[in-house]
Amino acid sequence: MPEYKTPGVYVEEIPASPRSIQGVETSIPAFIGATQKAEKTTTADLFRVPVSISSMIEYERYFGFAKPETGVTITIDTTMAAAPIAKASIQNKVPYLMYNSVRHFFANGGSNCYIISIGDYSRPVEQADLLAGLNKAAETPGITMMLFPDAMWLPAAAYYNVCKEALQQCAEKNNRIALIDVWRSDAGQYAIDELRSYDLGNTHQLSFGAAYYPHLISSYNYTYDEASIICSTNTSLNGTLKELKQKDPIAYSVAIQSISELKVLLPASPAVAGIYARVDNNRGVWKAPANEIVNDTVQPEVFIDNKIQDGLNVHVTGRSINSVRHFLGKGVLVWGARTLAGNDNEWRYIPVRRFFIMIEESIRSSTSFVVFEPNDASTWTRVKSMIDNFLISHWRQGALAGSKPEHAFFVKIGLNETMTALDISEGRMIIEIGIAMMRPAEFIILRITHLVSKP
């Protein structure tokens, strides 16, 4: 207490409660890909700049819209003039998926994300562009998920190499995961075997990734320019859709209807990222993001039954693939919550990896004040109390296994417990935390070290 030497009124603000640990954000993805533009005040001033947005309105303001399709053709049968029949098709779809991917993310519960524009629509996305975007993401704090939907247009080997780099970054940063999709060719063939045979890294790195299959037929319509759509008929009405509008309004309306029946095909990971955010907000990061409905989706591109599901979920390589399935009366559901490290007993489940990322980041951030405190029993008691209260609150919410707190977690800190006299003299404060998520008293151990002032 200070010594007052001058008469007068003195005000002291006394903390009513001890320090507490605040949980960090868990569902902030970074989308890396090409955009129509990347500007806030001047042209391309947001190129390769991570930008945080919270709505599609912000996305459209800074990054524009989807690129119109140029390979749309419509065949119209006007044999019956009063009821013509039209069929639309698309050849050589534009290789840019960012706009609708972000749209799918927000539609499924996403609230905030980062956009890293690696170029515009003037040229195809290349592997080097995506790797440069990954490097920018590595420099950005707060990102918890990595997605790169435009990488799907690369060759399979190049795509999986980008996935490998993303997994390595996630493992090094230890604060994010990579959501990847099984590569799909233009002909609709999925490279499942290549995913399981490609060198994506060691088991530790694989535990920071989750794979999803197949692509999803969304409820979104393609963007197009009527002047570029070719209409062919069995009469003299051949020409563009814009010309048809003036020549035959009935055939034109039928043609428009046929185009609206074509729906944008998207990789599953953007919608899944939104579902992660939705589950985190409604239940918590420890809840498995499975058996969750996928919004704005007509159906998966590939039908998956129980037999196919079993082969995807458990494989000798350990690289589990989470499926998205359609169930009669239930809709389209995410049906799996495993990491790519399916053979790892500790890190085979997505909620376990994400929960531990949240716990470690929250504790590390909230206990950083100790770097200016003495490394003694008083500080250790304060830190232990903070962590105990934080973990007890999660145990009460059902995040941890065990009927008693001591079965669910433990916290150790102190001389001859987590530190030696040498550690203290060299300014190391070591915290050891054991957490049981799957079964009581089966702890996964975390060690957090702070460099504090030396005695």
Foldseek 3Di string as FASTA:
>chain_A
DDDDDDDDDDDDDDDPDFFAFDFADQQAEEEEEAFAFADDPDGNPQAQPKDKDFDLVVCCNGGNADDFAQFKEKEWECPPVQDIAIAIDGDPGQLGDVSVLLVLLVQQAGGMYIYHHLYYSPDQDDLVSLVSSLVSVLVDPPHAEYHYFSLLAPPQLSSLVSLLVNLVSCLVVLQHAYEEEFRADPVGDGDPVCNLPPPSDDLSSQLRYAYEDDWFFFQDAGHHDQQSYWYHYPDPQTHTLVSNCVVRVSSSVNHVVNRSVRTDIGGCVSNLSSLCNVCCVPQRLLDASWPDARPRTDFGPDADDPVNQVPQQDDPSQQHYWYWHQDVPRGIITHDAFTGSRVDPQRGGNSSSSVVSRLVVRLCVSLQVQQAPQLDPVSVVSSQVNSLVVVVVVVVSVQFADPDVVQAKDKDWDDPTQDDPVCQQQQKTKIKMWGHRPYTNPTDIDIDIHRHDGD
